[in-house]
Amino acid sequence: MEPHSEYPAIMISGSAVAFGILASVVKANRTLVEDALATQLPWLAWLPNDARTECVSELLDHLTAGTTPSATLLFSRAAREWQSTAEVHSDPELARRLSGPFNPQNDD
């Protein structure tokens, strides 16, 4: 057996336990975790209010969906996608241009 070859399995197992604990906290005190998300994901402030609400709800739903590696991947992927959306909203001109209407003849 290679030294430290068990690390990937230990990391996955540890992540599953951490996600499981966090899912329990979400179920017991969703507001607490919403506040923690706002602290840990400062880019949430760039989202419009309705999008911020949708983002937090989606992320918390992913947290409570399960502790398998694929479930934690869904959370990570959603967080990355929402961060990209927030970054667009942080630049009002970019947000305006990307919200349409799109006219390829008048690309300013």
N, C-alpha and C. Protein backbone atom coordinates (compact mmCIF):
# COMPACT_ATOMS: atom_id res chain seq x y z
N MET A 1 0.84 -1.18 0.00
CA MET A 1 0.00 0.00 0.00
C MET A 1 0.89 1.25 0.00
N GLU A 2 0.55 2.17 -0.86
CA GLU A 2 1.28 3.41 -0.99
C GLU A 2 1.03 4.30 0.23
N PRO A 3 2.06 5.00 0.73
CA PRO A 3 1.82 5.89 1.87
C PRO A 3 0.78 6.95 1.49
N HIS A 4 -0.12 7.19 2.37
CA HIS A 4 -1.15 8.21 2.22
C HIS A 4 -2.14 7.93 1.08
N SER A 5 -2.17 6.71 0.60
CA SER A 5 -3.10 6.39 -0.49
C SER A 5 -4.56 6.43 -0.02
N GLU A 6 -4.77 6.42 1.28
CA GLU A 6 -6.14 6.46 1.79
C GLU A 6 -6.68 7.88 1.91
N TYR A 7 -5.86 8.89 1.65
CA TYR A 7 -6.30 10.28 1.81
C TYR A 7 -7.56 10.62 1.02
N PRO A 8 -7.68 10.28 -0.27
CA PRO A 8 -8.91 10.63 -0.98
C PRO A 8 -10.16 10.07 -0.32
N ALA A 9 -10.11 8.83 0.10
CA ALA A 9 -11.28 8.22 0.75
C ALA A 9 -11.58 8.90 2.08
N ILE A 10 -10.53 9.24 2.83
CA ILE A 10 -10.72 9.92 4.11
C ILE A 10 -11.31 11.30 3.88
N MET A 11 -10.84 12.01 2.86
CA MET A 11 -11.35 13.35 2.57
C MET A 11 -12.82 13.29 2.18
N ILE A 12 -13.18 12.32 1.36
CA ILE A 12 -14.58 12.18 0.95
C ILE A 12 -15.43 11.85 2.16
N SER A 13 -14.96 10.93 2.99
CA SER A 13 -15.70 10.56 4.18
C SER A 13 -15.84 11.75 5.13
N GLY A 14 -14.76 12.49 5.31
CA GLY A 14 -14.80 13.66 6.17
C GLY A 14 -15.74 14.73 5.65
N SER A 15 -15.73 14.94 4.34
CA SER A 15 -16.65 15.91 3.74
C SER A 15 -18.09 15.48 3.92
N ALA A 16 -18.34 14.21 3.77
CA ALA A 16 -19.71 13.70 3.94
C ALA A 16 -20.20 13.93 5.37
N VAL A 17 -19.33 13.71 6.33
CA VAL A 17 -19.69 13.93 7.73
C VAL A 17 -19.97 15.42 7.96
N ALA A 18 -19.09 16.28 7.44
CA ALA A 18 -19.27 17.72 7.62
C ALA A 18 -20.56 18.20 6.97
N PHE A 19 -20.84 17.73 5.76
CA PHE A 19 -22.08 18.10 5.09
C PHE A 19 -23.29 17.58 5.85
N GLY A 20 -23.18 16.39 6.41
CA GLY A 20 -24.28 15.83 7.20
C GLY A 20 -24.57 16.66 8.43
N ILE A 21 -23.53 17.08 9.11
CA ILE A 21 -23.70 17.93 10.29
C ILE A 21 -24.32 19.26 9.89
N LEU A 22 -23.81 19.85 8.82
CA LEU A 22 -24.35 21.12 8.35
C LEU A 22 -25.81 20.99 7.93
N ALA A 23 -26.15 19.89 7.29
CA ALA A 23 -27.55 19.65 6.90
C ALA A 23 -28.44 19.61 8.14
N SER A 24 -27.95 19.00 9.22
CA SER A 24 -28.72 18.96 10.46
C SER A 24 -28.92 20.36 11.03
N VAL A 25 -27.89 21.19 10.95
CA VAL A 25 -28.00 22.56 11.44
C VAL A 25 -28.99 23.35 10.58
N VAL A 26 -28.95 23.15 9.26
CA VAL A 26 -29.89 23.83 8.37
C VAL A 26 -31.32 23.49 8.76
N LYS A 27 -31.57 22.22 9.03
CA LYS A 27 -32.93 21.79 9.40
C LYS A 27 -33.36 22.35 10.74
N ALA A 28 -32.41 22.51 11.66
CA ALA A 28 -32.73 23.00 13.00
C ALA A 28 -32.81 24.52 13.06
N ASN A 29 -31.97 25.20 12.28
CA ASN A 29 -31.91 26.67 12.35
C ASN A 29 -31.46 27.23 11.01
N ARG A 30 -32.38 27.26 10.07
CA ARG A 30 -32.07 27.70 8.71
C ARG A 30 -31.54 29.14 8.69
N THR A 31 -32.10 30.00 9.54
CA THR A 31 -31.67 31.40 9.57
C THR A 31 -30.20 31.53 9.96
N LEU A 32 -29.76 30.71 10.90
CA LEU A 32 -28.36 30.73 11.31
C LEU A 32 -27.45 30.42 10.13
N VAL A 33 -27.81 29.41 9.34
CA VAL A 33 -26.98 29.02 8.21
C VAL A 33 -27.07 30.06 7.09
N GLU A 34 -28.23 30.68 6.92
CA GLU A 34 -28.36 31.77 5.93
C GLU A 34 -27.38 32.90 6.29
N ASP A 35 -27.31 33.25 7.56
CA ASP A 35 -26.38 34.29 8.01
C ASP A 35 -24.93 33.85 7.80
N ALA A 36 -24.65 32.59 8.07
CA ALA A 36 -23.29 32.07 7.86
C ALA A 36 -22.91 32.10 6.39
N LEU A 37 -23.86 31.77 5.52
CA LEU A 37 -23.58 31.84 4.08
C LEU A 37 -23.25 33.27 3.67
N ALA A 38 -23.99 34.24 4.18
CA ALA A 38 -23.74 35.64 3.83
C ALA A 38 -22.33 36.07 4.27
N THR A 39 -21.87 35.51 5.39
CA THR A 39 -20.53 35.82 5.88
C THR A 39 -19.46 35.14 5.03
N GLN A 40 -19.69 33.89 4.70
CA GLN A 40 -18.70 33.10 3.96
C GLN A 40 -18.70 33.38 2.46
N LEU A 41 -19.81 33.88 1.95
CA LEU A 41 -19.93 34.16 0.52
C LEU A 41 -20.26 35.65 0.33
N PRO A 42 -19.29 36.53 0.53
CA PRO A 42 -19.57 37.96 0.49
C PRO A 42 -20.12 38.45 -0.85
N TRP A 43 -19.89 37.68 -1.92
CA TRP A 43 -20.40 38.06 -3.24
C TRP A 43 -21.93 38.01 -3.29
N LEU A 44 -22.59 37.41 -2.30
CA LEU A 44 -24.06 37.42 -2.26
C LEU A 44 -24.60 38.85 -2.28
N ALA A 45 -23.83 39.79 -1.73
CA ALA A 45 -24.28 41.19 -1.67
C ALA A 45 -24.45 41.79 -3.07
N TRP A 46 -23.79 41.26 -4.07
CA TRP A 46 -23.90 41.79 -5.43
C TRP A 46 -25.18 41.35 -6.14
N LEU A 47 -25.82 40.31 -5.62
CA LEU A 47 -27.04 39.82 -6.27
C LEU A 47 -28.22 40.72 -5.93
N PRO A 48 -29.12 40.92 -6.90
CA PRO A 48 -30.37 41.61 -6.56
C PRO A 48 -31.10 40.80 -5.49
N ASN A 49 -31.94 41.46 -4.70
CA ASN A 49 -32.60 40.81 -3.56
C ASN A 49 -33.30 39.51 -3.93
N ASP A 50 -34.08 39.51 -5.02
CA ASP A 50 -34.81 38.29 -5.39
C ASP A 50 -33.85 37.17 -5.77
N ALA A 51 -32.77 37.51 -6.47
CA ALA A 51 -31.78 36.50 -6.85
C ALA A 51 -31.02 35.99 -5.63
N ARG A 52 -30.74 36.89 -4.68
CA ARG A 52 -30.04 36.48 -3.46
C ARG A 52 -30.88 35.47 -2.68
N THR A 53 -32.17 35.75 -2.58
CA THR A 53 -33.07 34.83 -1.89
C THR A 53 -33.09 33.47 -2.58
N GLU A 54 -33.17 33.50 -3.92
CA GLU A 54 -33.18 32.25 -4.69
C GLU A 54 -31.87 31.49 -4.53
N CYS A 55 -30.76 32.21 -4.56
CA CYS A 55 -29.44 31.59 -4.42
C CYS A 55 -29.30 30.90 -3.07
N VAL A 56 -29.61 31.61 -2.00
CA VAL A 56 -29.46 31.04 -0.65
C VAL A 56 -30.36 29.83 -0.49
N SER A 57 -31.58 29.93 -1.00
CA SER A 57 -32.51 28.80 -0.91
C SER A 57 -31.97 27.59 -1.66
N GLU A 58 -31.48 27.83 -2.87
CA GLU A 58 -30.93 26.72 -3.68
C GLU A 58 -29.72 26.09 -3.00
N LEU A 59 -28.82 26.92 -2.49
CA LEU A 59 -27.63 26.37 -1.83
C LEU A 59 -27.99 25.57 -0.59
N LEU A 60 -28.93 26.08 0.21
CA LEU A 60 -29.34 25.34 1.40
C LEU A 60 -30.06 24.05 1.03
N ASP A 61 -30.83 24.07 -0.04
CA ASP A 61 -31.47 22.83 -0.51
C ASP A 61 -30.43 21.80 -0.90
N HIS A 62 -29.35 22.25 -1.55
CA HIS A 62 -28.28 21.32 -1.91
C HIS A 62 -27.60 20.77 -0.66
N LEU A 63 -27.42 21.62 0.34
CA LEU A 63 -26.78 21.16 1.58
C LEU A 63 -27.59 20.07 2.27
N THR A 64 -28.90 20.16 2.18
CA THR A 64 -29.75 19.19 2.88
C THR A 64 -30.12 18.00 2.01
N ALA A 65 -29.71 18.01 0.75
CA ALA A 65 -30.10 16.95 -0.18
C ALA A 65 -29.38 15.63 0.07
N GLY A 66 -28.20 15.70 0.63
CA GLY A 66 -27.47 14.46 0.86
C GLY A 66 -26.00 14.71 1.09
N THR A 67 -25.30 13.65 1.45
CA THR A 67 -23.89 13.78 1.80
C THR A 67 -23.00 12.97 0.87
N THR A 68 -23.55 12.48 -0.22
CA THR A 68 -22.72 11.73 -1.17
C THR A 68 -21.80 12.71 -1.91
N PRO A 69 -20.72 12.22 -2.46
CA PRO A 69 -19.84 13.11 -3.23
C PRO A 69 -20.59 13.84 -4.35
N SER A 70 -21.54 13.18 -5.00
CA SER A 70 -22.26 13.87 -6.07
C SER A 70 -23.14 14.97 -5.52
N ALA A 71 -23.72 14.80 -4.33
CA ALA A 71 -24.54 15.84 -3.72
C ALA A 71 -23.69 17.04 -3.32
N THR A 72 -22.52 16.79 -2.77
CA THR A 72 -21.65 17.90 -2.40
C THR A 72 -21.12 18.61 -3.65
N LEU A 73 -20.93 17.87 -4.72
CA LEU A 73 -20.51 18.47 -5.99
C LEU A 73 -21.59 19.41 -6.51
N LEU A 74 -22.85 19.02 -6.38
CA LEU A 74 -23.95 19.88 -6.82
C LEU A 74 -23.95 21.19 -6.05
N PHE A 75 -23.70 21.14 -4.74
CA PHE A 75 -23.61 22.36 -3.96
C PHE A 75 -22.46 23.24 -4.47
N SER A 76 -21.30 22.64 -4.66
CA SER A 76 -20.13 23.39 -5.11
C SER A 76 -20.36 24.00 -6.49
N ARG A 77 -20.96 23.24 -7.37
CA ARG A 77 -21.24 23.74 -8.73
C ARG A 77 -22.24 24.90 -8.68
N ALA A 78 -23.29 24.75 -7.89
CA ALA A 78 -24.29 25.82 -7.78
C ALA A 78 -23.67 27.08 -7.19
N ALA A 79 -22.82 26.93 -6.17
CA ALA A 79 -22.16 28.09 -5.57
C ALA A 79 -21.28 28.80 -6.60
N ARG A 80 -20.55 28.04 -7.39
CA ARG A 80 -19.69 28.63 -8.42
C ARG A 80 -20.52 29.38 -9.46
N GLU A 81 -21.66 28.78 -9.88
CA GLU A 81 -22.52 29.41 -10.88
C GLU A 81 -23.14 30.70 -10.33
N TRP A 82 -23.59 30.65 -9.08
CA TRP A 82 -24.17 31.85 -8.49
C TRP A 82 -23.11 32.93 -8.30
N GLN A 83 -21.89 32.55 -7.98
CA GLN A 83 -20.83 33.54 -7.84
C GLN A 83 -20.58 34.23 -9.18
N SER A 84 -20.60 33.47 -10.25
CA SER A 84 -20.43 34.07 -11.58
C SER A 84 -21.55 35.05 -11.88
N THR A 85 -22.76 34.68 -11.51
CA THR A 85 -23.91 35.58 -11.71
C THR A 85 -23.73 36.84 -10.88
N ALA A 86 -23.29 36.69 -9.64
CA ALA A 86 -23.07 37.85 -8.77
C ALA A 86 -22.00 38.77 -9.34
N GLU A 87 -20.96 38.19 -9.89
CA GLU A 87 -19.88 39.01 -10.47
C GLU A 87 -20.39 39.82 -11.65
N VAL A 88 -21.30 39.27 -12.44
CA VAL A 88 -21.91 40.03 -13.52
C VAL A 88 -22.68 41.21 -12.95
N HIS A 89 -23.45 40.96 -11.89
CA HIS A 89 -24.24 42.02 -11.28
C HIS A 89 -23.38 43.08 -10.60
N SER A 90 -22.14 42.75 -10.27
CA SER A 90 -21.25 43.73 -9.64
C SER A 90 -20.82 44.82 -10.61
N ASP A 91 -20.99 44.57 -11.90
CA ASP A 91 -20.66 45.54 -12.95
C ASP A 91 -21.96 45.93 -13.65
N PRO A 92 -22.56 47.05 -13.25
CA PRO A 92 -23.87 47.42 -13.81
C PRO A 92 -23.91 47.49 -15.33
N GLU A 93 -22.85 47.96 -15.95
CA GLU A 93 -22.83 48.04 -17.42
C GLU A 93 -22.83 46.64 -18.03
N LEU A 94 -22.04 45.75 -17.50
CA LEU A 94 -22.03 44.37 -17.99
C LEU A 94 -23.38 43.72 -17.77
N ALA A 95 -23.96 43.91 -16.61
CA ALA A 95 -25.29 43.33 -16.32
C ALA A 95 -26.32 43.85 -17.31
N ARG A 96 -26.27 45.15 -17.62
CA ARG A 96 -27.21 45.73 -18.58
C ARG A 96 -27.04 45.10 -19.95
N ARG A 97 -25.79 44.97 -20.39
CA ARG A 97 -25.51 44.41 -21.73
C ARG A 97 -25.93 42.95 -21.83
N LEU A 98 -25.76 42.20 -20.75
CA LEU A 98 -26.09 40.78 -20.79
C LEU A 98 -27.57 40.49 -20.55
N SER A 99 -28.32 41.50 -20.12
CA SER A 99 -29.74 41.26 -19.88
C SER A 99 -30.59 41.46 -21.14
N GLY A 100 -29.96 41.86 -22.24
CA GLY A 100 -30.65 41.97 -23.52
C GLY A 100 -31.40 43.28 -23.64
N PRO A 101 -32.10 43.52 -24.71
CA PRO A 101 -32.16 42.64 -25.87
C PRO A 101 -30.83 42.61 -26.61
N PHE A 102 -30.64 41.55 -27.32
CA PHE A 102 -29.38 41.35 -28.02
C PHE A 102 -29.55 41.74 -29.48
N ASN A 103 -28.65 42.57 -29.95
CA ASN A 103 -28.67 43.03 -31.33
C ASN A 103 -27.26 42.94 -31.86
N PRO A 104 -26.95 41.90 -32.64
CA PRO A 104 -25.57 41.74 -33.12
C PRO A 104 -25.10 42.88 -34.02
N GLN A 105 -26.03 43.63 -34.64
CA GLN A 105 -25.65 44.74 -35.49
C GLN A 105 -25.23 45.97 -34.67
N ASN A 106 -25.67 46.02 -33.43
CA ASN A 106 -25.41 47.18 -32.59
C ASN A 106 -24.71 46.74 -31.30
N ASP A 107 -23.53 46.17 -31.45
CA ASP A 107 -22.78 45.66 -30.29
C ASP A 107 -21.85 46.75 -29.79
N ASP A 108 -22.29 47.50 -28.76
CA ASP A 108 -21.45 48.57 -28.25
C ASP A 108 -20.79 48.22 -26.97
